[in-house]
């Protein structure tokens, strides 16, 4: 499933640097999840779980399948944010947006 990435904290960068940052973000998501076709489905599943349980759900309240999705997405998100913004970057809301292409 194709998707687009919008990085909000990359404002003020040149178009070339912004494109490179988006590519690093995508590559990190895809490498962590194992394939580009998994990014959007895992992200959307995570969003549904977060809508029910909150952004940092109590893993004891989750089913095994939900816990797996949460762990997969959190690992992918951390890798992508680190790839673009560095390892000490705080993960605030609204830094990126994923949408179907």
PDB file of N, CA and C in Angstrom:
ATOM      1  N   UNK A   1       0.850  -1.170   0.000  1.00  0.00           N
ATOM      2  CA  UNK A   1       0.000   0.000   0.000  1.00  0.00           C
ATOM      3  C   UNK A   1       0.898   1.235   0.000  1.00  0.00           C
ATOM      4  N   UNK A   2       0.726   2.086  -0.982  1.00  0.00           N
ATOM      5  CA  UNK A   2       1.532   3.308  -1.078  1.00  0.00           C
ATOM      6  C   UNK A   2       1.069   4.333  -0.049  1.00  0.00           C
ATOM      7  N   UNK A   3       2.014   5.133   0.416  1.00  0.00           N
ATOM      8  CA  UNK A   3       1.697   6.155   1.405  1.00  0.00           C
ATOM      9  C   UNK A   3       2.588   7.366   1.178  1.00  0.00           C
ATOM     10  N   UNK A   4       2.162   8.491   1.722  1.00  0.00           N
ATOM     11  CA  UNK A   4       2.964   9.703   1.674  1.00  0.00           C
ATOM     12  C   UNK A   4       3.346  10.078   3.103  1.00  0.00           C
ATOM     13  N   UNK A   5       4.457  10.780   3.211  1.00  0.00           N
ATOM     14  CA  UNK A   5       4.953  11.258   4.499  1.00  0.00           C
ATOM     15  C   UNK A   5       5.067  12.768   4.426  1.00  0.00           C
ATOM     16  N   UNK A   6       4.549  13.438   5.444  1.00  0.00           N
ATOM     17  CA  UNK A   6       4.743  14.875   5.575  1.00  0.00           C
ATOM     18  C   UNK A   6       5.457  15.106   6.896  1.00  0.00           C
ATOM     19  N   UNK A   7       6.606  15.772   6.838  1.00  0.00           N
ATOM     20  CA  UNK A   7       7.371  16.107   8.038  1.00  0.00           C
ATOM     21  C   UNK A   7       7.120  17.571   8.379  1.00  0.00           C
ATOM     22  N   UNK A   8       6.614  17.825   9.554  1.00  0.00           N
ATOM     23  CA  UNK A   8       6.302  19.189   9.968  1.00  0.00           C
ATOM     24  C   UNK A   8       7.495  19.918  10.549  1.00  0.00           C
ATOM     25  N   UNK A   9       8.398  19.216  11.195  1.00  0.00           N
ATOM     26  CA  UNK A   9       9.537  19.874  11.835  1.00  0.00           C
ATOM     27  C   UNK A   9      10.696  20.103  10.881  1.00  0.00           C
ATOM     28  N   UNK A  10      10.469  19.909   9.593  1.00  0.00           N
ATOM     29  CA  UNK A  10      11.526  20.114   8.604  1.00  0.00           C
ATOM     30  C   UNK A  10      11.359  21.446   7.887  1.00  0.00           C
ATOM     31  N   UNK A  11      10.496  22.294   8.406  1.00  0.00           N
ATOM     32  CA  UNK A  11      10.278  23.600   7.792  1.00  0.00           C
ATOM     33  C   UNK A  11      11.562  24.423   7.874  1.00  0.00           C
ATOM     34  N   UNK A  12      11.795  25.210   6.848  1.00  0.00           N
ATOM     35  CA  UNK A  12      12.981  26.040   6.811  1.00  0.00           C
ATOM     36  C   UNK A  12      14.159  25.354   6.150  1.00  0.00           C
ATOM     37  N   UNK A  13      14.028  24.067   5.879  1.00  0.00           N
ATOM     38  CA  UNK A  13      15.091  23.334   5.190  1.00  0.00           C
ATOM     39  C   UNK A  13      14.914  23.504   3.685  1.00  0.00           C
ATOM     40  N   UNK A  14      15.990  23.320   2.947  1.00  0.00           N
ATOM     41  CA  UNK A  14      15.898  23.382   1.490  1.00  0.00           C
ATOM     42  C   UNK A  14      15.039  22.220   0.997  1.00  0.00           C
ATOM     43  N   UNK A  15      14.530  22.361  -0.196  1.00  0.00           N
ATOM     44  CA  UNK A  15      13.692  21.305  -0.770  1.00  0.00           C
ATOM     45  C   UNK A  15      14.467  19.991  -0.862  1.00  0.00           C
ATOM     46  N   UNK A  16      15.729  20.073  -1.211  1.00  0.00           N
ATOM     47  CA  UNK A  16      16.553  18.867  -1.326  1.00  0.00           C
ATOM     48  C   UNK A  16      16.725  18.196   0.031  1.00  0.00           C
ATOM     49  N   UNK A  17      17.060  18.976   1.044  1.00  0.00           N
ATOM     50  CA  UNK A  17      17.231  18.408   2.391  1.00  0.00           C
ATOM     51  C   UNK A  17      15.923  17.849   2.930  1.00  0.00           C
ATOM     52  N   UNK A  18      14.812  18.504   2.619  1.00  0.00           N
ATOM     53  CA  UNK A  18      13.517  18.018   3.065  1.00  0.00           C
ATOM     54  C   UNK A  18      13.198  16.673   2.397  1.00  0.00           C
ATOM     55  N   UNK A  19      13.436  16.570   1.094  1.00  0.00           N
ATOM     56  CA  UNK A  19      13.210  15.310   0.366  1.00  0.00           C
ATOM     57  C   UNK A  19      14.076  14.194   0.939  1.00  0.00           C
ATOM     58  N   UNK A  20      15.330  14.501   1.230  1.00  0.00           N
ATOM     59  CA  UNK A  20      16.237  13.509   1.816  1.00  0.00           C
ATOM     60  C   UNK A  20      15.745  13.059   3.193  1.00  0.00           C
ATOM     61  N   UNK A  21      15.232  13.992   3.982  1.00  0.00           N
ATOM     62  CA  UNK A  21      14.707  13.652   5.307  1.00  0.00           C
ATOM     63  C   UNK A  21      13.493  12.728   5.181  1.00  0.00           C
ATOM     64  N   UNK A  22      12.609  13.023   4.241  1.00  0.00           N
ATOM     65  CA  UNK A  22      11.437  12.178   4.017  1.00  0.00           C
ATOM     66  C   UNK A  22      11.877  10.775   3.603  1.00  0.00           C
ATOM     67  N   UNK A  23      12.868  10.684   2.735  1.00  0.00           N
ATOM     68  CA  UNK A  23      13.371   9.376   2.303  1.00  0.00           C
ATOM     69  C   UNK A  23      13.979   8.601   3.471  1.00  0.00           C
ATOM     70  N   UNK A  24      14.746   9.280   4.328  1.00  0.00           N
ATOM     71  CA  UNK A  24      15.312   8.606   5.503  1.00  0.00           C
ATOM     72  C   UNK A  24      14.207   8.127   6.435  1.00  0.00           C
ATOM     73  N   UNK A  25      13.174   8.943   6.619  1.00  0.00           N
ATOM     74  CA  UNK A  25      12.048   8.586   7.474  1.00  0.00           C
ATOM     75  C   UNK A  25      11.357   7.341   6.924  1.00  0.00           C
ATOM     76  N   UNK A  26      11.025   7.362   5.630  1.00  0.00           N
ATOM     77  CA  UNK A  26      10.367   6.221   4.979  1.00  0.00           C
ATOM     78  C   UNK A  26      11.227   4.958   5.077  1.00  0.00           C
ATOM     79  N   UNK A  27      12.510   5.091   4.762  1.00  0.00           N
ATOM     80  CA  UNK A  27      13.406   3.937   4.770  1.00  0.00           C
ATOM     81  C   UNK A  27      13.470   3.311   6.163  1.00  0.00           C
ATOM     82  N   UNK A  28      13.532   4.133   7.187  1.00  0.00           N
ATOM     83  CA  UNK A  28      13.585   3.610   8.557  1.00  0.00           C
ATOM     84  C   UNK A  28      12.298   2.883   8.917  1.00  0.00           C
ATOM     85  N   UNK A  29      11.149   3.451   8.552  1.00  0.00           N
ATOM     86  CA  UNK A  29       9.879   2.761   8.809  1.00  0.00           C
ATOM     87  C   UNK A  29       9.849   1.413   8.103  1.00  0.00           C
ATOM     88  N   UNK A  30      10.195   1.430   6.823  1.00  0.00           N
ATOM     89  CA  UNK A  30      10.124   0.221   6.006  1.00  0.00           C
ATOM     90  C   UNK A  30      11.122  -0.837   6.464  1.00  0.00           C
ATOM     91  N   UNK A  31      12.332  -0.419   6.799  1.00  0.00           N
ATOM     92  CA  UNK A  31      13.336  -1.370   7.279  1.00  0.00           C
ATOM     93  C   UNK A  31      12.920  -1.997   8.607  1.00  0.00           C
ATOM     94  N   UNK A  32      12.372  -1.197   9.497  1.00  0.00           N
ATOM     95  CA  UNK A  32      11.979  -1.705  10.812  1.00  0.00           C
ATOM     96  C   UNK A  32      10.787  -2.648  10.713  1.00  0.00           C
ATOM     97  N   UNK A  33       9.811  -2.300   9.868  1.00  0.00           N
ATOM     98  CA  UNK A  33       8.619  -3.143   9.737  1.00  0.00           C
ATOM     99  C   UNK A  33       8.824  -4.296   8.759  1.00  0.00           C
ATOM    100  N   UNK A  34       9.841  -4.216   7.928  1.00  0.00           N
ATOM    101  CA  UNK A  34      10.168  -5.314   7.038  1.00  0.00           C
ATOM    102  C   UNK A  34       9.767  -5.127   5.592  1.00  0.00           C
ATOM    103  N   UNK A  35       8.853  -4.199   5.307  1.00  0.00           N
ATOM    104  CA  UNK A  35       8.415  -3.989   3.927  1.00  0.00           C
ATOM    105  C   UNK A  35       7.575  -2.719   3.860  1.00  0.00           C
ATOM    106  N   UNK A  36       7.660  -2.031   2.735  1.00  0.00           N
ATOM    107  CA  UNK A  36       6.882  -0.802   2.546  1.00  0.00           C
ATOM    108  C   UNK A  36       5.380  -1.057   2.623  1.00  0.00           C
ATOM    109  N   UNK A  37       4.953  -2.232   2.185  1.00  0.00           N
ATOM    110  CA  UNK A  37       3.518  -2.529   2.178  1.00  0.00           C
ATOM    111  C   UNK A  37       2.933  -2.673   3.583  1.00  0.00           C
ATOM    112  N   UNK A  38       3.766  -2.779   4.601  1.00  0.00           N
ATOM    113  CA  UNK A  38       3.293  -2.923   5.974  1.00  0.00           C
ATOM    114  C   UNK A  38       3.146  -1.603   6.709  1.00  0.00           C
ATOM    115  N   UNK A  39       3.761  -0.552   6.207  1.00  0.00           N
ATOM    116  CA  UNK A  39       3.807   0.712   6.948  1.00  0.00           C
ATOM    117  C   UNK A  39       2.414   1.259   7.221  1.00  0.00           C
ATOM    118  N   UNK A  40       1.647   1.505   6.196  1.00  0.00           N
ATOM    119  CA  UNK A  40       0.331   2.121   6.408  1.00  0.00           C
ATOM    120  C   UNK A  40      -0.623   1.216   7.182  1.00  0.00           C
ATOM    121  N   UNK A  41      -0.725  -0.087   6.886  1.00  0.00           N
ATOM    122  CA  UNK A  41      -1.621  -0.929   7.690  1.00  0.00           C
ATOM    123  C   UNK A  41      -1.243  -0.980   9.175  1.00  0.00           C
ATOM    124  N   UNK A  42       0.057  -1.060   9.476  1.00  0.00           N
ATOM    125  CA  UNK A  42       0.474  -1.097  10.884  1.00  0.00           C
ATOM    126  C   UNK A  42       0.194   0.248  11.539  1.00  0.00           C
ATOM    127  N   UNK A  43       0.470   1.338  10.833  1.00  0.00           N
ATOM    128  CA  UNK A  43       0.207   2.670  11.362  1.00  0.00           C
ATOM    129  C   UNK A  43      -1.285   2.866  11.655  1.00  0.00           C
ATOM    130  N   UNK A  44      -2.132   2.488  10.714  1.00  0.00           N
ATOM    131  CA  UNK A  44      -3.577   2.657  10.897  1.00  0.00           C
ATOM    132  C   UNK A  44      -4.099   1.776  12.033  1.00  0.00           C
ATOM    133  N   UNK A  45      -3.572   0.563  12.154  1.00  0.00           N
ATOM    134  CA  UNK A  45      -3.962  -0.306  13.265  1.00  0.00           C
ATOM    135  C   UNK A  45      -3.527   0.308  14.590  1.00  0.00           C
ATOM    136  N   UNK A  46      -2.317   0.853  14.620  1.00  0.00           N
ATOM    137  CA  UNK A  46      -1.833   1.515  15.832  1.00  0.00           C
ATOM    138  C   UNK A  46      -2.733   2.707  16.187  1.00  0.00           C
ATOM    139  N   UNK A  47      -3.113   3.484  15.188  1.00  0.00           N
ATOM    140  CA  UNK A  47      -3.984   4.635  15.434  1.00  0.00           C
ATOM    141  C   UNK A  47      -5.324   4.208  16.043  1.00  0.00           C
ATOM    142  N   UNK A  48      -5.882   3.100  15.548  1.00  0.00           N
ATOM    143  CA  UNK A  48      -7.140   2.595  16.122  1.00  0.00           C
ATOM    144  C   UNK A  48      -6.939   2.174  17.573  1.00  0.00           C
ATOM    145  N   UNK A  49      -5.851   1.470  17.849  1.00  0.00           N
ATOM    146  CA  UNK A  49      -5.568   1.038  19.227  1.00  0.00           C
ATOM    147  C   UNK A  49      -5.355   2.249  20.124  1.00  0.00           C
ATOM    148  N   UNK A  50      -4.586   3.229  19.656  1.00  0.00           N
ATOM    149  CA  UNK A  50      -4.338   4.446  20.446  1.00  0.00           C
ATOM    150  C   UNK A  50      -5.635   5.217  20.678  1.00  0.00           C
ATOM    151  N   UNK A  51      -6.566   5.162  19.731  1.00  0.00           N
ATOM    152  CA  UNK A  51      -7.851   5.830  19.898  1.00  0.00           C
ATOM    153  C   UNK A  51      -8.677   5.214  21.017  1.00  0.00           C
ATOM    154  N   UNK A  52      -8.504   3.927  21.239  1.00  0.00           N
ATOM    155  CA  UNK A  52      -9.243   3.224  22.288  1.00  0.00           C
ATOM    156  C   UNK A  52      -8.515   3.296  23.627  1.00  0.00           C
ATOM    157  N   UNK A  53      -7.206   3.055  23.619  1.00  0.00           N
ATOM    158  CA  UNK A  53      -6.440   2.910  24.858  1.00  0.00           C
ATOM    159  C   UNK A  53      -5.553   4.101  25.199  1.00  0.00           C
ATOM    160  N   UNK A  54      -5.412   5.061  24.295  1.00  0.00           N
ATOM    161  CA  UNK A  54      -4.525   6.192  24.522  1.00  0.00           C
ATOM    162  C   UNK A  54      -3.177   5.961  23.859  1.00  0.00           C
ATOM    163  N   UNK A  55      -2.399   7.037  23.728  1.00  0.00           N
ATOM    164  CA  UNK A  55      -1.118   6.982  23.028  1.00  0.00           C
ATOM    165  C   UNK A  55      -0.107   6.047  23.680  1.00  0.00           C
ATOM    166  N   UNK A  56      -0.127   5.920  24.972  1.00  0.00           N
ATOM    167  CA  UNK A  56       0.775   5.004  25.692  1.00  0.00           C
ATOM    168  C   UNK A  56      -0.086   3.979  26.432  1.00  0.00           C
ATOM    169  N   UNK A  57      -0.647   3.023  25.692  1.00  0.00           N
ATOM    170  CA  UNK A  57      -1.576   2.079  26.328  1.00  0.00           C
ATOM    171  C   UNK A  57      -0.884   1.164  27.331  1.00  0.00           C
ATOM    172  N   UNK A  58      -1.638   0.784  28.344  1.00  0.00           N
ATOM    173  CA  UNK A  58      -1.181  -0.205  29.312  1.00  0.00           C
ATOM    174  C   UNK A  58      -1.147  -1.546  28.585  1.00  0.00           C
ATOM    175  N   UNK A  59       0.029  -2.100  28.409  1.00  0.00           N
ATOM    176  CA  UNK A  59       0.142  -3.326  27.618  1.00  0.00           C
ATOM    177  C   UNK A  59      -0.632  -4.488  28.226  1.00  0.00           C
ATOM    178  N   UNK A  60      -0.868  -4.463  29.525  1.00  0.00           N
ATOM    179  CA  UNK A  60      -1.640  -5.527  30.167  1.00  0.00           C
ATOM    180  C   UNK A  60      -3.100  -5.512  29.710  1.00  0.00           C
ATOM    181  N   UNK A  61      -3.577  -4.355  29.261  1.00  0.00           N
ATOM    182  CA  UNK A  61      -4.964  -4.233  28.814  1.00  0.00           C
ATOM    183  C   UNK A  61      -5.151  -4.645  27.355  1.00  0.00           C
ATOM    184  N   UNK A  62      -4.051  -4.874  26.634  1.00  0.00           N
ATOM    185  CA  UNK A  62      -4.112  -5.186  25.213  1.00  0.00           C
ATOM    186  C   UNK A  62      -4.156  -6.686  24.964  1.00  0.00           C
ATOM    187  N   UNK A  63      -4.752  -7.059  23.837  1.00  0.00           N
ATOM    188  CA  UNK A  63      -4.655  -8.442  23.397  1.00  0.00           C
ATOM    189  C   UNK A  63      -3.237  -8.666  22.883  1.00  0.00           C
ATOM    190  N   UNK A  64      -2.866  -9.912  22.666  1.00  0.00           N
ATOM    191  CA  UNK A  64      -1.537 -10.202  22.125  1.00  0.00           C
ATOM    192  C   UNK A  64      -1.340  -9.527  20.771  1.00  0.00           C
ATOM    193  N   UNK A  65      -2.357  -9.565  19.919  1.00  0.00           N
ATOM    194  CA  UNK A  65      -2.268  -8.953  18.588  1.00  0.00           C
ATOM    195  C   UNK A  65      -2.112  -7.441  18.697  1.00  0.00           C
ATOM    196  N   UNK A  66      -2.876  -6.807  19.594  1.00  0.00           N
ATOM    197  CA  UNK A  66      -2.763  -5.359  19.788  1.00  0.00           C
ATOM    198  C   UNK A  66      -1.380  -4.992  20.316  1.00  0.00           C
ATOM    199  N   UNK A  67      -0.889  -5.767  21.258  1.00  0.00           N
ATOM    200  CA  UNK A  67       0.434  -5.509  21.836  1.00  0.00           C
ATOM    201  C   UNK A  67       1.508  -5.598  20.747  1.00  0.00           C
ATOM    202  N   UNK A  68       1.395  -6.576  19.866  1.00  0.00           N
ATOM    203  CA  UNK A  68       2.354  -6.744  18.772  1.00  0.00           C
ATOM    204  C   UNK A  68       2.346  -5.517  17.851  1.00  0.00           C
ATOM    205  N   UNK A  69       1.159  -5.028  17.499  1.00  0.00           N
ATOM    206  CA  UNK A  69       1.040  -3.841  16.639  1.00  0.00           C
ATOM    207  C   UNK A  69       1.669  -2.636  17.332  1.00  0.00           C
ATOM    208  N   UNK A  70       1.345  -2.421  18.596  1.00  0.00           N
ATOM    209  CA  UNK A  70       1.880  -1.272  19.338  1.00  0.00           C
ATOM    210  C   UNK A  70       3.407  -1.341  19.384  1.00  0.00           C
ATOM    211  N   UNK A  71       3.941  -2.493  19.693  1.00  0.00           N
ATOM    212  CA  UNK A  71       5.398  -2.635  19.773  1.00  0.00           C
ATOM    213  C   UNK A  71       6.052  -2.417  18.408  1.00  0.00           C
ATOM    214  N   UNK A  72       5.443  -2.966  17.359  1.00  0.00           N
ATOM    215  CA  UNK A  72       5.994  -2.791  16.012  1.00  0.00           C
ATOM    216  C   UNK A  72       5.992  -1.328  15.611  1.00  0.00           C
ATOM    217  N   UNK A  73       4.850  -0.648  15.823  1.00  0.00           N
ATOM    218  CA  UNK A  73       4.787   0.744  15.398  1.00  0.00           C
ATOM    219  C   UNK A  73       5.728   1.616  16.215  1.00  0.00           C
ATOM    220  N   UNK A  74       5.766   1.428  17.513  1.00  0.00           N
ATOM    221  CA  UNK A  74       6.638   2.253  18.343  1.00  0.00           C
ATOM    222  C   UNK A  74       8.104   2.078  17.958  1.00  0.00           C
ATOM    223  N   UNK A  75       8.519   0.868  17.626  1.00  0.00           N
ATOM    224  CA  UNK A  75       9.896   0.636  17.184  1.00  0.00           C
ATOM    225  C   UNK A  75      10.158   1.329  15.855  1.00  0.00           C
ATOM    226  N   UNK A  76       9.206   1.231  14.928  1.00  0.00           N
ATOM    227  CA  UNK A  76       9.366   1.860  13.608  1.00  0.00           C
ATOM    228  C   UNK A  76       9.380   3.376  13.729  1.00  0.00           C
ATOM    229  N   UNK A  77       8.484   3.924  14.527  1.00  0.00           N
ATOM    230  CA  UNK A  77       8.415   5.373  14.718  1.00  0.00           C
ATOM    231  C   UNK A  77       9.708   5.896  15.343  1.00  0.00           C
ATOM    232  N   UNK A  78      10.207   5.220  16.354  1.00  0.00           N
ATOM    233  CA  UNK A  78      11.456   5.629  16.998  1.00  0.00           C
ATOM    234  C   UNK A  78      12.606   5.604  16.005  1.00  0.00           C
ATOM    235  N   UNK A  79      12.694   4.548  15.213  1.00  0.00           N
ATOM    236  CA  UNK A  79      13.765   4.448  14.213  1.00  0.00           C
ATOM    237  C   UNK A  79      13.669   5.566  13.191  1.00  0.00           C
ATOM    238  N   UNK A  80      12.458   5.884  12.742  1.00  0.00           N
ATOM    239  CA  UNK A  80      12.275   6.921  11.721  1.00  0.00           C
ATOM    240  C   UNK A  80      12.605   8.305  12.274  1.00  0.00           C
ATOM    241  N   UNK A  81      12.136   8.595  13.461  1.00  0.00           N
ATOM    242  CA  UNK A  81      12.410   9.903  14.061  1.00  0.00           C
ATOM    243  C   UNK A  81      13.900  10.062  14.345  1.00  0.00           C
ATOM    244  N   UNK A  82      14.531   9.010  14.815  1.00  0.00           N
ATOM    245  CA  UNK A  82      15.975   9.046  15.053  1.00  0.00           C
ATOM    246  C   UNK A  82      16.740   9.246  13.753  1.00  0.00           C
ATOM    247  N   UNK A  83      16.295   8.592  12.680  1.00  0.00           N
ATOM    248  CA  UNK A  83      16.970   8.709  11.381  1.00  0.00           C
ATOM    249  C   UNK A  83      16.929  10.133  10.845  1.00  0.00           C
ATOM    250  N   UNK A  84      15.870  10.855  11.156  1.00  0.00           N
ATOM    251  CA  UNK A  84      15.716  12.208  10.621  1.00  0.00           C
ATOM    252  C   UNK A  84      16.196  13.273  11.600  1.00  0.00           C
ATOM    253  N   UNK A  85      15.811  13.157  12.851  1.00  0.00           N
ATOM    254  CA  UNK A  85      16.031  14.234  13.809  1.00  0.00           C
ATOM    255  C   UNK A  85      17.118  13.949  14.836  1.00  0.00           C
ATOM    256  N   UNK A  86      17.636  12.737  14.899  1.00  0.00           N
ATOM    257  CA  UNK A  86      18.693  12.398  15.837  1.00  0.00           C
ATOM    258  C   UNK A  86      18.180  11.663  17.053  1.00  0.00           C
ATOM    259  N   UNK A  87      19.073  10.997  17.764  1.00  0.00           N
ATOM    260  CA  UNK A  87      18.682  10.135  18.877  1.00  0.00           C
ATOM    261  C   UNK A  87      18.159  10.863  20.107  1.00  0.00           C
ATOM    262  N   UNK A  88      18.426  12.143  20.237  1.00  0.00           N
ATOM    263  CA  UNK A  88      17.990  12.869  21.434  1.00  0.00           C
ATOM    264  C   UNK A  88      16.714  13.668  21.193  1.00  0.00           C
ATOM    265  N   UNK A  89      16.095  13.478  20.053  1.00  0.00           N
ATOM    266  CA  UNK A  89      14.888  14.222  19.683  1.00  0.00           C
ATOM    267  C   UNK A  89      13.702  13.783  20.534  1.00  0.00           C
ATOM    268  N   UNK A  90      12.983  14.738  21.120  1.00  0.00           N
ATOM    269  CA  UNK A  90      11.741  14.426  21.825  1.00  0.00           C
ATOM    270  C   UNK A  90      10.669  14.121  20.800  1.00  0.00           C
ATOM    271  N   UNK A  91       9.830  13.148  21.098  1.00  0.00           N
ATOM    272  CA  UNK A  91       8.800  12.737  20.153  1.00  0.00           C
ATOM    273  C   UNK A  91       7.500  13.469  20.470  1.00  0.00           C
ATOM    274  N   UNK A  92       7.358  14.674  19.964  1.00  0.00           N
ATOM    275  CA  UNK A  92       6.157  15.453  20.192  1.00  0.00           C
ATOM    276  C   UNK A  92       5.076  15.119  19.188  1.00  0.00           C
ATOM    277  N   UNK A  93       3.880  15.592  19.463  1.00  0.00           N
ATOM    278  CA  UNK A  93       2.757  15.374  18.558  1.00  0.00           C
ATOM    279  C   UNK A  93       2.921  16.210  17.296  1.00  0.00           C
ATOM    280  N   UNK A  94       2.400  15.705  16.211  1.00  0.00           N
ATOM    281  CA  UNK A  94       2.322  16.475  14.981  1.00  0.00           C
ATOM    282  C   UNK A  94       3.611  16.620  14.218  1.00  0.00           C
ATOM    283  N   UNK A  95       4.592  15.779  14.464  1.00  0.00           N
ATOM    284  CA  UNK A  95       5.861  15.893  13.762  1.00  0.00           C
ATOM    285  C   UNK A  95       5.782  15.321  12.359  1.00  0.00           C
ATOM    286  N   UNK A  96       4.878  14.373  12.151  1.00  0.00           N
ATOM    287  CA  UNK A  96       4.748  13.763  10.839  1.00  0.00           C
ATOM    288  C   UNK A  96       3.306  13.354  10.608  1.00  0.00           C
ATOM    289  N   UNK A  97       3.012  13.098   9.371  1.00  0.00           N
ATOM    290  CA  UNK A  97       1.688  12.615   9.003  1.00  0.00           C
ATOM    291  C   UNK A  97       1.868  11.578   7.901  1.00  0.00           C
ATOM    292  N   UNK A  98       1.177  10.457   8.016  1.00  0.00           N
ATOM    293  CA  UNK A  98       1.172   9.437   6.978  1.00  0.00           C
ATOM    294  C   UNK A  98      -0.226   9.367   6.406  1.00  0.00           C
ATOM    295  N   UNK A  99      -0.301   9.268   5.080  1.00  0.00           N
ATOM    296  CA  UNK A  99      -1.599   9.152   4.404  1.00  0.00           C
ATOM    297  C   UNK A  99      -1.451   8.203   3.222  1.00  0.00           C
ATOM    298  N   UNK A 100      -2.559   7.566   2.828  1.00  0.00           N
ATOM    299  CA  UNK A 100      -2.507   6.762   1.603  1.00  0.00           C
ATOM    300  C   UNK A 100      -2.146   7.644   0.417  1.00  0.00           C
ATOM    301  N   UNK A 101      -1.369   7.098  -0.497  1.00  0.00           N
ATOM    302  CA  UNK A 101      -0.964   7.862  -1.685  1.00  0.00           C
ATOM    303  C   UNK A 101      -2.053   7.793  -2.748  1.00  0.00           C
TER     304      UNK A 101
END
